[in-house]
């Protein structure tokens, strides 16, 4: 990171987009739909890579929340996204790195993931998941 970028990074306010994403992770892990609804734009979209039954694009907050519900529902509530790091770029995008864990049918999920978030007016508009081992 050059000196100018480092200075801008250091000046970021704690209530910026990164803080919104942190609150979203807390609300997600607590199944707090009321808080998630305040943090996600009504036109939000979610993109999950791969060829599994959960892969694909979801358009609209309700579709995104239905996707989130599957994570918990298909793992008997054991799914967790434990936040490890959050970075905010100069343009307001946020990259969050987290560890996924869950159990289903005697199998255990244990994977790292990052999500690139785009926000608009303080609300999450786009989430793009990227897995280390798809």
Foldseek 3Di string as FASTA:
>chain_A
DDPVQVVVQVPDDCLALQVLVVVCQVCLLVVPVVSLVVAADQQAKEAADDDDPLGDIATGPVRVVVSSVCQCVQQVRFWHWAWDDWGAGPVGKIKTKTWIWGDHPRDIGTFIKIWIFDDDPRHTRYIYIDTPPD
